[in-house]
Amino acid sequence: MTIDPETFRTKLLDLRERLRAEDEASEADRAPVALDQESVGRLSRMDAMQVQAMAVAAQRRRQQERAAIDAALRRIEEGEFGYCLTCGEEIAEARLDHTPTATTCIDCAR
């Protein structure tokens, strides 16, 4: 099997751009919740705080995913992309198609 690194580089860059767009779209949800009791009732404020907490958690997940994307891009640059970090064997192309940031083959992932 020969993995085309450019195909995966494009896929990874597209994924990173999607994450950037999601960050931008959720910026307002991550903003601090106003504590003005007259404009927002207690339950509405609690709902807003829950939305904010979920948006912050989603941003953290996107940051972790971006770090995995950057690591995969570095592996492409170094010629190490597509090889299991545990056993050194090739990672199945189907696994990389599904999860281009995968660092281990399916056997080592189990």
PDB file of N, CA and C in Angstrom:
ATOM      1  N   MET A   1       0.842  -1.177   0.000  1.00  0.00           N
ATOM      2  CA  MET A   1       0.000   0.000   0.000  1.00  0.00           C
ATOM      3  C   MET A   1       0.889   1.243   0.000  1.00  0.00           C
ATOM      4  N   THR A   2       0.514   2.190  -0.818  1.00  0.00           N
ATOM      5  CA  THR A   2       1.234   3.451  -0.844  1.00  0.00           C
ATOM      6  C   THR A   2       0.258   4.571  -0.537  1.00  0.00           C
ATOM      7  N   ILE A   3       0.509   5.254   0.545  1.00  0.00           N
ATOM      8  CA  ILE A   3      -0.356   6.358   0.965  1.00  0.00           C
ATOM      9  C   ILE A   3       0.142   7.629   0.289  1.00  0.00           C
ATOM     10  N   ASP A   4      -0.780   8.374  -0.314  1.00  0.00           N
ATOM     11  CA  ASP A   4      -0.426   9.650  -0.930  1.00  0.00           C
ATOM     12  C   ASP A   4      -0.483  10.737   0.137  1.00  0.00           C
ATOM     13  N   PRO A   5       0.683  11.216   0.587  1.00  0.00           N
ATOM     14  CA  PRO A   5       0.691  12.218   1.666  1.00  0.00           C
ATOM     15  C   PRO A   5      -0.027  13.510   1.291  1.00  0.00           C
ATOM     16  N   GLU A   6      -0.003  13.876   0.014  1.00  0.00           N
ATOM     17  CA  GLU A   6      -0.643  15.136  -0.393  1.00  0.00           C
ATOM     18  C   GLU A   6      -2.165  15.067  -0.231  1.00  0.00           C
ATOM     19  N   THR A   7      -2.728  13.903  -0.483  1.00  0.00           N
ATOM     20  CA  THR A   7      -4.169  13.727  -0.285  1.00  0.00           C
ATOM     21  C   THR A   7      -4.518  13.955   1.186  1.00  0.00           C
ATOM     22  N   PHE A   8      -3.713  13.377   2.059  1.00  0.00           N
ATOM     23  CA  PHE A   8      -3.984  13.524   3.490  1.00  0.00           C
ATOM     24  C   PHE A   8      -3.638  14.921   3.989  1.00  0.00           C
ATOM     25  N   ARG A   9      -2.617  15.555   3.409  1.00  0.00           N
ATOM     26  CA  ARG A   9      -2.299  16.939   3.790  1.00  0.00           C
ATOM     27  C   ARG A   9      -3.497  17.835   3.491  1.00  0.00           C
ATOM     28  N   THR A  10      -4.079  17.666   2.297  1.00  0.00           N
ATOM     29  CA  THR A  10      -5.258  18.460   1.922  1.00  0.00           C
ATOM     30  C   THR A  10      -6.418  18.194   2.871  1.00  0.00           C
ATOM     31  N   LYS A  11      -6.643  16.924   3.179  1.00  0.00           N
ATOM     32  CA  LYS A  11      -7.730  16.542   4.088  1.00  0.00           C
ATOM     33  C   LYS A  11      -7.515  17.166   5.470  1.00  0.00           C
ATOM     34  N   LEU A  12      -6.281  17.118   5.962  1.00  0.00           N
ATOM     35  CA  LEU A  12      -5.962  17.666   7.289  1.00  0.00           C
ATOM     36  C   LEU A  12      -6.103  19.187   7.306  1.00  0.00           C
ATOM     37  N   LEU A  13      -5.657  19.852   6.248  1.00  0.00           N
ATOM     38  CA  LEU A  13      -5.780  21.316   6.183  1.00  0.00           C
ATOM     39  C   LEU A  13      -7.251  21.729   6.100  1.00  0.00           C
ATOM     40  N   ASP A  14      -8.059  20.964   5.358  1.00  0.00           N
ATOM     41  CA  ASP A  14      -9.499  21.249   5.293  1.00  0.00           C
ATOM     42  C   ASP A  14     -10.145  21.077   6.665  1.00  0.00           C
ATOM     43  N   LEU A  15      -9.748  20.034   7.358  1.00  0.00           N
ATOM     44  CA  LEU A  15     -10.276  19.787   8.704  1.00  0.00           C
ATOM     45  C   LEU A  15      -9.892  20.913   9.657  1.00  0.00           C
ATOM     46  N   ARG A  16      -8.634  21.367   9.563  1.00  0.00           N
ATOM     47  CA  ARG A  16      -8.196  22.469  10.423  1.00  0.00           C
ATOM     48  C   ARG A  16      -8.978  23.741  10.114  1.00  0.00           C
ATOM     49  N   GLU A  17      -9.273  24.000   8.847  1.00  0.00           N
ATOM     50  CA  GLU A  17     -10.053  25.182   8.468  1.00  0.00           C
ATOM     51  C   GLU A  17     -11.484  25.082   8.995  1.00  0.00           C
ATOM     52  N   ARG A  18     -12.071  23.873   8.959  1.00  0.00           N
ATOM     53  CA  ARG A  18     -13.420  23.684   9.500  1.00  0.00           C
ATOM     54  C   ARG A  18     -13.450  23.979  10.997  1.00  0.00           C
ATOM     55  N   LEU A  19     -12.408  23.543  11.702  1.00  0.00           N
ATOM     56  CA  LEU A  19     -12.325  23.812  13.139  1.00  0.00           C
ATOM     57  C   LEU A  19     -12.200  25.312  13.412  1.00  0.00           C
ATOM     58  N   ARG A  20     -11.426  26.018  12.578  1.00  0.00           N
ATOM     59  CA  ARG A  20     -11.288  27.466  12.732  1.00  0.00           C
ATOM     60  C   ARG A  20     -12.635  28.153  12.543  1.00  0.00           C
ATOM     61  N   ALA A  21     -13.387  27.703  11.539  1.00  0.00           N
ATOM     62  CA  ALA A  21     -14.706  28.285  11.278  1.00  0.00           C
ATOM     63  C   ALA A  21     -15.658  28.008  12.440  1.00  0.00           C
ATOM     64  N   GLU A  22     -15.595  26.818  13.013  1.00  0.00           N
ATOM     65  CA  GLU A  22     -16.438  26.496  14.171  1.00  0.00           C
ATOM     66  C   GLU A  22     -16.065  27.367  15.365  1.00  0.00           C
ATOM     67  N   ASP A  23     -14.770  27.602  15.573  1.00  0.00           N
ATOM     68  CA  ASP A  23     -14.339  28.498  16.648  1.00  0.00           C
ATOM     69  C   ASP A  23     -14.922  29.887  16.456  1.00  0.00           C
ATOM     70  N   GLU A  24     -14.837  30.358  15.236  1.00  0.00           N
ATOM     71  CA  GLU A  24     -15.342  31.698  14.929  1.00  0.00           C
ATOM     72  C   GLU A  24     -16.853  31.776  15.137  1.00  0.00           C
ATOM     73  N   ALA A  25     -17.566  30.752  14.711  1.00  0.00           N
ATOM     74  CA  ALA A  25     -19.025  30.742  14.824  1.00  0.00           C
ATOM     75  C   ALA A  25     -19.494  30.661  16.277  1.00  0.00           C
ATOM     76  N   SER A  26     -18.701  30.048  17.138  1.00  0.00           N
ATOM     77  CA  SER A  26     -19.127  29.874  18.531  1.00  0.00           C
ATOM     78  C   SER A  26     -18.542  30.925  19.474  1.00  0.00           C
ATOM     79  N   GLU A  27     -17.894  31.918  18.922  1.00  0.00           N
ATOM     80  CA  GLU A  27     -17.248  32.943  19.757  1.00  0.00           C
ATOM     81  C   GLU A  27     -18.236  33.627  20.702  1.00  0.00           C
ATOM     82  N   ALA A  28     -19.413  33.980  20.217  1.00  0.00           N
ATOM     83  CA  ALA A  28     -20.408  34.668  21.058  1.00  0.00           C
ATOM     84  C   ALA A  28     -20.893  33.761  22.191  1.00  0.00           C
ATOM     85  N   ASP A  29     -21.007  32.453  21.924  1.00  0.00           N
ATOM     86  CA  ASP A  29     -21.471  31.520  22.956  1.00  0.00           C
ATOM     87  C   ASP A  29     -20.463  31.375  24.092  1.00  0.00           C
ATOM     88  N   ARG A  30     -19.182  31.618  23.799  1.00  0.00           N
ATOM     89  CA  ARG A  30     -18.133  31.479  24.823  1.00  0.00           C
ATOM     90  C   ARG A  30     -17.938  32.754  25.649  1.00  0.00           C
ATOM     91  N   ALA A  31     -18.612  33.826  25.266  1.00  0.00           N
ATOM     92  CA  ALA A  31     -18.467  35.107  25.969  1.00  0.00           C
ATOM     93  C   ALA A  31     -19.003  34.988  27.395  1.00  0.00           C
ATOM     94  N   PRO A  32     -18.454  35.782  28.314  1.00  0.00           N
ATOM     95  CA  PRO A  32     -18.955  35.762  29.693  1.00  0.00           C
ATOM     96  C   PRO A  32     -20.452  36.102  29.736  1.00  0.00           C
ATOM     97  N   VAL A  33     -21.150  35.477  30.660  1.00  0.00           N
ATOM     98  CA  VAL A  33     -22.594  35.689  30.812  1.00  0.00           C
ATOM     99  C   VAL A  33     -22.818  36.885  31.718  1.00  0.00           C
ATOM    100  N   ALA A  34     -23.635  37.801  31.245  1.00  0.00           N
ATOM    101  CA  ALA A  34     -23.947  39.001  32.031  1.00  0.00           C
ATOM    102  C   ALA A  34     -24.765  38.620  33.255  1.00  0.00           C
ATOM    103  N   LEU A  35     -24.504  39.273  34.365  1.00  0.00           N
ATOM    104  CA  LEU A  35     -25.209  38.971  35.607  1.00  0.00           C
ATOM    105  C   LEU A  35     -26.286  40.007  35.926  1.00  0.00           C
ATOM    106  N   ASP A  36     -26.719  40.745  34.923  1.00  0.00           N
ATOM    107  CA  ASP A  36     -27.754  41.755  35.085  1.00  0.00           C
ATOM    108  C   ASP A  36     -29.089  41.061  35.363  1.00  0.00           C
ATOM    109  N   GLN A  37     -29.575  41.150  36.602  1.00  0.00           N
ATOM    110  CA  GLN A  37     -30.774  40.435  37.028  1.00  0.00           C
ATOM    111  C   GLN A  37     -32.044  40.978  36.371  1.00  0.00           C
ATOM    112  N   GLU A  38     -32.027  42.227  35.949  1.00  0.00           N
ATOM    113  CA  GLU A  38     -33.228  42.800  35.364  1.00  0.00           C
ATOM    114  C   GLU A  38     -33.434  42.371  33.917  1.00  0.00           C
ATOM    115  N   SER A  39     -32.369  42.173  33.179  1.00  0.00           N
ATOM    116  CA  SER A  39     -32.529  41.847  31.764  1.00  0.00           C
ATOM    117  C   SER A  39     -32.589  40.338  31.516  1.00  0.00           C
ATOM    118  N   VAL A  40     -32.072  39.564  32.446  1.00  0.00           N
ATOM    119  CA  VAL A  40     -32.064  38.121  32.262  1.00  0.00           C
ATOM    120  C   VAL A  40     -32.540  37.470  33.555  1.00  0.00           C
ATOM    121  N   GLY A  41     -33.562  36.642  33.452  1.00  0.00           N
ATOM    122  CA  GLY A  41     -34.053  35.950  34.637  1.00  0.00           C
ATOM    123  C   GLY A  41     -33.071  34.879  35.093  1.00  0.00           C
ATOM    124  N   ARG A  42     -33.311  34.357  36.297  1.00  0.00           N
ATOM    125  CA  ARG A  42     -32.402  33.370  36.887  1.00  0.00           C
ATOM    126  C   ARG A  42     -32.245  32.139  36.001  1.00  0.00           C
ATOM    127  N   LEU A  43     -33.354  31.570  35.510  1.00  0.00           N
ATOM    128  CA  LEU A  43     -33.282  30.378  34.670  1.00  0.00           C
ATOM    129  C   LEU A  43     -32.633  30.673  33.328  1.00  0.00           C
ATOM    130  N   SER A  44     -32.937  31.818  32.760  1.00  0.00           N
ATOM    131  CA  SER A  44     -32.326  32.190  31.490  1.00  0.00           C
ATOM    132  C   SER A  44     -30.818  32.348  31.647  1.00  0.00           C
ATOM    133  N   ARG A  45     -30.410  32.921  32.773  1.00  0.00           N
ATOM    134  CA  ARG A  45     -28.979  33.100  33.036  1.00  0.00           C
ATOM    135  C   ARG A  45     -28.307  31.737  33.210  1.00  0.00           C
ATOM    136  N   MET A  46     -28.992  30.816  33.894  1.00  0.00           N
ATOM    137  CA  MET A  46     -28.435  29.466  34.061  1.00  0.00           C
ATOM    138  C   MET A  46     -28.308  28.770  32.709  1.00  0.00           C
ATOM    139  N   ASP A  47     -29.324  28.948  31.849  1.00  0.00           N
ATOM    140  CA  ASP A  47     -29.249  28.377  30.500  1.00  0.00           C
ATOM    141  C   ASP A  47     -28.072  28.968  29.737  1.00  0.00           C
ATOM    142  N   ALA A  48     -27.898  30.291  29.845  1.00  0.00           N
ATOM    143  CA  ALA A  48     -26.793  30.956  29.153  1.00  0.00           C
ATOM    144  C   ALA A  48     -25.450  30.462  29.673  1.00  0.00           C
ATOM    145  N   MET A  49     -25.362  30.231  30.984  1.00  0.00           N
ATOM    146  CA  MET A  49     -24.107  29.719  31.555  1.00  0.00           C
ATOM    147  C   MET A  49     -23.835  28.293  31.091  1.00  0.00           C
ATOM    148  N   GLN A  50     -24.891  27.492  30.943  1.00  0.00           N
ATOM    149  CA  GLN A  50     -24.718  26.128  30.447  1.00  0.00           C
ATOM    150  C   GLN A  50     -24.260  26.146  28.987  1.00  0.00           C
ATOM    151  N   VAL A  51     -24.854  27.005  28.171  1.00  0.00           N
ATOM    152  CA  VAL A  51     -24.445  27.142  26.772  1.00  0.00           C
ATOM    153  C   VAL A  51     -22.980  27.571  26.705  1.00  0.00           C
ATOM    154  N   GLN A  52     -22.615  28.513  27.572  1.00  0.00           N
ATOM    155  CA  GLN A  52     -21.228  28.983  27.599  1.00  0.00           C
ATOM    156  C   GLN A  52     -20.280  27.836  27.975  1.00  0.00           C
ATOM    157  N   ALA A  53     -20.613  27.069  28.987  1.00  0.00           N
ATOM    158  CA  ALA A  53     -19.758  25.960  29.418  1.00  0.00           C
ATOM    159  C   ALA A  53     -19.614  24.919  28.312  1.00  0.00           C
ATOM    160  N   MET A  54     -20.705  24.619  27.630  1.00  0.00           N
ATOM    161  CA  MET A  54     -20.636  23.645  26.534  1.00  0.00           C
ATOM    162  C   MET A  54     -19.796  24.191  25.374  1.00  0.00           C
ATOM    163  N   ALA A  55     -19.906  25.485  25.091  1.00  0.00           N
ATOM    164  CA  ALA A  55     -19.126  26.090  24.011  1.00  0.00           C
ATOM    165  C   ALA A  55     -17.637  26.091  24.351  1.00  0.00           C
ATOM    166  N   VAL A  56     -17.298  26.352  25.608  1.00  0.00           N
ATOM    167  CA  VAL A  56     -15.897  26.336  26.035  1.00  0.00           C
ATOM    168  C   VAL A  56     -15.341  24.911  25.956  1.00  0.00           C
ATOM    169  N   ALA A  57     -16.135  23.929  26.361  1.00  0.00           N
ATOM    170  CA  ALA A  57     -15.705  22.533  26.279  1.00  0.00           C
ATOM    171  C   ALA A  57     -15.497  22.115  24.821  1.00  0.00           C
ATOM    172  N   ALA A  58     -16.392  22.542  23.941  1.00  0.00           N
ATOM    173  CA  ALA A  58     -16.250  22.222  22.518  1.00  0.00           C
ATOM    174  C   ALA A  58     -14.999  22.878  21.946  1.00  0.00           C
ATOM    175  N   GLN A  59     -14.697  24.097  22.391  1.00  0.00           N
ATOM    176  CA  GLN A  59     -13.483  24.768  21.926  1.00  0.00           C
ATOM    177  C   GLN A  59     -12.238  23.998  22.379  1.00  0.00           C
ATOM    178  N   ARG A  60     -12.244  23.493  23.596  1.00  0.00           N
ATOM    179  CA  ARG A  60     -11.103  22.700  24.080  1.00  0.00           C
ATOM    180  C   ARG A  60     -10.905  21.447  23.228  1.00  0.00           C
ATOM    181  N   ARG A  61     -12.024  20.795  22.886  1.00  0.00           N
ATOM    182  CA  ARG A  61     -11.931  19.601  22.026  1.00  0.00           C
ATOM    183  C   ARG A  61     -11.363  19.976  20.659  1.00  0.00           C
ATOM    184  N   ARG A  62     -11.797  21.115  20.128  1.00  0.00           N
ATOM    185  CA  ARG A  62     -11.262  21.565  18.830  1.00  0.00           C
ATOM    186  C   ARG A  62      -9.777  21.875  18.938  1.00  0.00           C
ATOM    187  N   GLN A  63      -9.340  22.457  20.061  1.00  0.00           N
ATOM    188  CA  GLN A  63      -7.916  22.730  20.254  1.00  0.00           C
ATOM    189  C   GLN A  63      -7.114  21.426  20.276  1.00  0.00           C
ATOM    190  N   GLN A  64      -7.643  20.400  20.944  1.00  0.00           N
ATOM    191  CA  GLN A  64      -6.963  19.100  20.973  1.00  0.00           C
ATOM    192  C   GLN A  64      -6.912  18.493  19.574  1.00  0.00           C
ATOM    193  N   GLU A  65      -8.003  18.633  18.840  1.00  0.00           N
ATOM    194  CA  GLU A  65      -8.038  18.095  17.485  1.00  0.00           C
ATOM    195  C   GLU A  65      -7.048  18.837  16.583  1.00  0.00           C
ATOM    196  N   ARG A  66      -6.942  20.165  16.760  1.00  0.00           N
ATOM    197  CA  ARG A  66      -5.966  20.950  15.985  1.00  0.00           C
ATOM    198  C   ARG A  66      -4.543  20.505  16.293  1.00  0.00           C
ATOM    199  N   ALA A  67      -4.269  20.208  17.565  1.00  0.00           N
ATOM    200  CA  ALA A  67      -2.935  19.726  17.941  1.00  0.00           C
ATOM    201  C   ALA A  67      -2.640  18.393  17.261  1.00  0.00           C
ATOM    202  N   ALA A  68      -3.648  17.506  17.189  1.00  0.00           N
ATOM    203  CA  ALA A  68      -3.466  16.216  16.512  1.00  0.00           C
ATOM    204  C   ALA A  68      -3.259  16.422  15.011  1.00  0.00           C
ATOM    205  N   ILE A  69      -3.968  17.382  14.429  1.00  0.00           N
ATOM    206  CA  ILE A  69      -3.799  17.697  13.006  1.00  0.00           C
ATOM    207  C   ILE A  69      -2.392  18.217  12.754  1.00  0.00           C
ATOM    208  N   ASP A  70      -1.932  19.139  13.595  1.00  0.00           N
ATOM    209  CA  ASP A  70      -0.581  19.691  13.434  1.00  0.00           C
ATOM    210  C   ASP A  70       0.480  18.601  13.561  1.00  0.00           C
ATOM    211  N   ALA A  71       0.271  17.659  14.484  1.00  0.00           N
ATOM    212  CA  ALA A  71       1.211  16.547  14.646  1.00  0.00           C
ATOM    213  C   ALA A  71       1.209  15.666  13.393  1.00  0.00           C
ATOM    214  N   ALA A  72       0.028  15.419  12.820  1.00  0.00           N
ATOM    215  CA  ALA A  72      -0.060  14.610  11.601  1.00  0.00           C
ATOM    216  C   ALA A  72       0.628  15.318  10.436  1.00  0.00           C
ATOM    217  N   LEU A  73       0.452  16.636  10.344  1.00  0.00           N
ATOM    218  CA  LEU A  73       1.132  17.399   9.289  1.00  0.00           C
ATOM    219  C   LEU A  73       2.648  17.337   9.455  1.00  0.00           C
ATOM    220  N   ARG A  74       3.114  17.373  10.709  1.00  0.00           N
ATOM    221  CA  ARG A  74       4.571  17.235  10.956  1.00  0.00           C
ATOM    222  C   ARG A  74       5.053  15.853  10.523  1.00  0.00           C
ATOM    223  N   ARG A  75       4.241  14.813  10.808  1.00  0.00           N
ATOM    224  CA  ARG A  75       4.625  13.460  10.390  1.00  0.00           C
ATOM    225  C   ARG A  75       4.692  13.360   8.867  1.00  0.00           C
ATOM    226  N   ILE A  76       3.803  14.065   8.165  1.00  0.00           N
ATOM    227  CA  ILE A  76       3.866  14.089   6.700  1.00  0.00           C
ATOM    228  C   ILE A  76       5.180  14.721   6.259  1.00  0.00           C
ATOM    229  N   GLU A  77       5.521  15.855   6.857  1.00  0.00           N
ATOM    230  CA  GLU A  77       6.761  16.552   6.499  1.00  0.00           C
ATOM    231  C   GLU A  77       7.993  15.687   6.758  1.00  0.00           C
ATOM    232  N   GLU A  78       7.943  14.899   7.814  1.00  0.00           N
ATOM    233  CA  GLU A  78       9.088  14.066   8.206  1.00  0.00           C
ATOM    234  C   GLU A  78       9.088  12.710   7.516  1.00  0.00           C
ATOM    235  N   GLY A  79       8.057  12.437   6.703  1.00  0.00           N
ATOM    236  CA  GLY A  79       7.980  11.152   6.014  1.00  0.00           C
ATOM    237  C   GLY A  79       7.556  10.002   6.917  1.00  0.00           C
ATOM    238  N   GLU A  80       6.962  10.312   8.061  1.00  0.00           N
ATOM    239  CA  GLU A  80       6.552   9.286   9.027  1.00  0.00           C
ATOM    240  C   GLU A  80       5.049   9.050   9.046  1.00  0.00           C
ATOM    241  N   PHE A  81       4.313   9.795   8.238  1.00  0.00           N
ATOM    242  CA  PHE A  81       2.851   9.679   8.241  1.00  0.00           C
ATOM    243  C   PHE A  81       2.435   8.313   7.725  1.00  0.00           C
ATOM    244  N   GLY A  82       1.459   7.710   8.383  1.00  0.00           N
ATOM    245  CA  GLY A  82       0.917   6.434   7.937  1.00  0.00           C
ATOM    246  C   GLY A  82       1.555   5.232   8.599  1.00  0.00           C
ATOM    247  N   TYR A  83       2.480   5.493   9.513  1.00  0.00           N
ATOM    248  CA  TYR A  83       3.131   4.405  10.237  1.00  0.00           C
ATOM    249  C   TYR A  83       2.758   4.478  11.716  1.00  0.00           C
ATOM    250  N   CYS A  84       2.500   3.323  12.289  1.00  0.00           N
ATOM    251  CA  CYS A  84       2.098   3.219  13.690  1.00  0.00           C
ATOM    252  C   CYS A  84       3.243   3.676  14.591  1.00  0.00           C
ATOM    253  N   LEU A  85       2.940   4.546  15.535  1.00  0.00           N
ATOM    254  CA  LEU A  85       3.956   5.025  16.472  1.00  0.00           C
ATOM    255  C   LEU A  85       4.339   3.965  17.498  1.00  0.00           C
ATOM    256  N   THR A  86       3.511   2.932  17.641  1.00  0.00           N
ATOM    257  CA  THR A  86       3.783   1.883  18.613  1.00  0.00           C
ATOM    258  C   THR A  86       4.622   0.754  18.022  1.00  0.00           C
ATOM    259  N   CYS A  87       4.152   0.202  16.891  1.00  0.00           N
ATOM    260  CA  CYS A  87       4.839  -0.974  16.328  1.00  0.00           C
ATOM    261  C   CYS A  87       5.617  -0.677  15.056  1.00  0.00           C
ATOM    262  N   GLY A  88       5.382   0.476  14.437  1.00  0.00           N
ATOM    263  CA  GLY A  88       6.109   0.851  13.230  1.00  0.00           C
ATOM    264  C   GLY A  88       5.506   0.318  11.938  1.00  0.00           C
ATOM    265  N   GLU A  89       4.455  -0.489  12.026  1.00  0.00           N
ATOM    266  CA  GLU A  89       3.801  -1.023  10.822  1.00  0.00           C
ATOM    267  C   GLU A  89       2.938   0.064  10.179  1.00  0.00           C
ATOM    268  N   GLU A  90       2.596  -0.165   8.907  1.00  0.00           N
ATOM    269  CA  GLU A  90       1.733   0.783   8.209  1.00  0.00           C
ATOM    270  C   GLU A  90       0.330   0.771   8.822  1.00  0.00           C
ATOM    271  N   ILE A  91      -0.263   1.945   8.893  1.00  0.00           N
ATOM    272  CA  ILE A  91      -1.656   2.081   9.326  1.00  0.00           C
ATOM    273  C   ILE A  91      -2.515   1.883   8.080  1.00  0.00           C
ATOM    274  N   ALA A  92      -3.588   1.116   8.203  1.00  0.00           N
ATOM    275  CA  ALA A  92      -4.462   0.858   7.060  1.00  0.00           C
ATOM    276  C   ALA A  92      -5.008   2.168   6.497  1.00  0.00           C
ATOM    277  N   GLU A  93      -5.014   2.245   5.176  1.00  0.00           N
ATOM    278  CA  GLU A  93      -5.488   3.465   4.525  1.00  0.00           C
ATOM    279  C   GLU A  93      -6.944   3.767   4.890  1.00  0.00           C
ATOM    280  N   ALA A  94      -7.754   2.725   5.045  1.00  0.00           N
ATOM    281  CA  ALA A  94      -9.156   2.933   5.437  1.00  0.00           C
ATOM    282  C   ALA A  94      -9.237   3.613   6.805  1.00  0.00           C
ATOM    283  N   ARG A  95      -8.336   3.239   7.719  1.00  0.00           N
ATOM    284  CA  ARG A  95      -8.309   3.877   9.048  1.00  0.00           C
ATOM    285  C   ARG A  95      -7.921   5.345   8.910  1.00  0.00           C
ATOM    286  N   LEU A  96      -6.925   5.620   8.083  1.00  0.00           N
ATOM    287  CA  LEU A  96      -6.493   7.009   7.885  1.00  0.00           C
ATOM    288  C   LEU A  96      -7.561   7.826   7.157  1.00  0.00           C
ATOM    289  N   ASP A  97      -8.284   7.186   6.237  1.00  0.00           N
ATOM    290  CA  ASP A  97      -9.378   7.902   5.571  1.00  0.00           C
ATOM    291  C   ASP A  97     -10.422   8.345   6.581  1.00  0.00           C
ATOM    292  N   HIS A  98     -10.703   7.466   7.539  1.00  0.00           N
ATOM    293  CA  HIS A  98     -11.699   7.776   8.567  1.00  0.00           C
ATOM    294  C   HIS A  98     -11.150   8.742   9.608  1.00  0.00           C
ATOM    295  N   THR A  99      -9.910   8.510  10.041  1.00  0.00           N
ATOM    296  CA  THR A  99      -9.280   9.335  11.075  1.00  0.00           C
ATOM    297  C   THR A  99      -7.862   9.680  10.624  1.00  0.00           C
ATOM    298  N   PRO A 100      -7.708  10.765   9.863  1.00  0.00           N
ATOM    299  CA  PRO A 100      -6.391  11.087   9.320  1.00  0.00           C
ATOM    300  C   PRO A 100      -5.348  11.449  10.385  1.00  0.00           C
ATOM    301  N   THR A 101      -5.788  11.651  11.606  1.00  0.00           N
ATOM    302  CA  THR A 101      -4.845  11.969  12.686  1.00  0.00           C
ATOM    303  C   THR A 101      -4.424  10.723  13.458  1.00  0.00           C
ATOM    304  N   ALA A 102      -4.878   9.542  13.021  1.00  0.00           N
ATOM    305  CA  ALA A 102      -4.556   8.291  13.726  1.00  0.00           C
ATOM    306  C   ALA A 102      -3.042   8.114  13.822  1.00  0.00           C
ATOM    307  N   THR A 103      -2.586   7.691  15.003  1.00  0.00           N
ATOM    308  CA  THR A 103      -1.151   7.495  15.223  1.00  0.00           C
ATOM    309  C   THR A 103      -0.787   6.036  15.401  1.00  0.00           C
ATOM    310  N   THR A 104      -1.807   5.180  15.502  1.00  0.00           N
ATOM    311  CA  THR A 104      -1.539   3.757  15.713  1.00  0.00           C
ATOM    312  C   THR A 104      -2.367   2.914  14.745  1.00  0.00           C
ATOM    313  N   CYS A 105      -1.849   1.744  14.441  1.00  0.00           N
ATOM    314  CA  CYS A 105      -2.605   0.794  13.637  1.00  0.00           C
ATOM    315  C   CYS A 105      -3.762   0.266  14.499  1.00  0.00           C
ATOM    316  N   ILE A 106      -4.686  -0.405  13.857  1.00  0.00           N
ATOM    317  CA  ILE A 106      -5.865  -0.878  14.592  1.00  0.00           C
ATOM    318  C   ILE A 106      -5.492  -1.892  15.659  1.00  0.00           C
ATOM    319  N   ASP A 107      -4.492  -2.738  15.399  1.00  0.00           N
ATOM    320  CA  ASP A 107      -4.087  -3.729  16.389  1.00  0.00           C
ATOM    321  C   ASP A 107      -3.537  -3.067  17.645  1.00  0.00           C
ATOM    322  N   CYS A 108      -2.703  -2.072  17.479  1.00  0.00           N
ATOM    323  CA  CYS A 108      -2.122  -1.394  18.643  1.00  0.00           C
ATOM    324  C   CYS A 108      -3.139  -0.501  19.356  1.00  0.00           C
ATOM    325  N   ALA A 109      -4.165  -0.062  18.635  1.00  0.00           N
ATOM    326  CA  ALA A 109      -5.195   0.797  19.228  1.00  0.00           C
ATOM    327  C   ALA A 109      -6.112  -0.002  20.156  1.00  0.00           C
ATOM    328  N   ARG A 110      -6.150  -1.306  19.968  1.00  0.00           N
ATOM    329  CA  ARG A 110      -7.050  -2.152  20.778  1.00  0.00           C
ATOM    330  C   ARG A 110      -6.545  -2.314  22.142  1.00  0.00           C
TER     331      ARG A 110
END
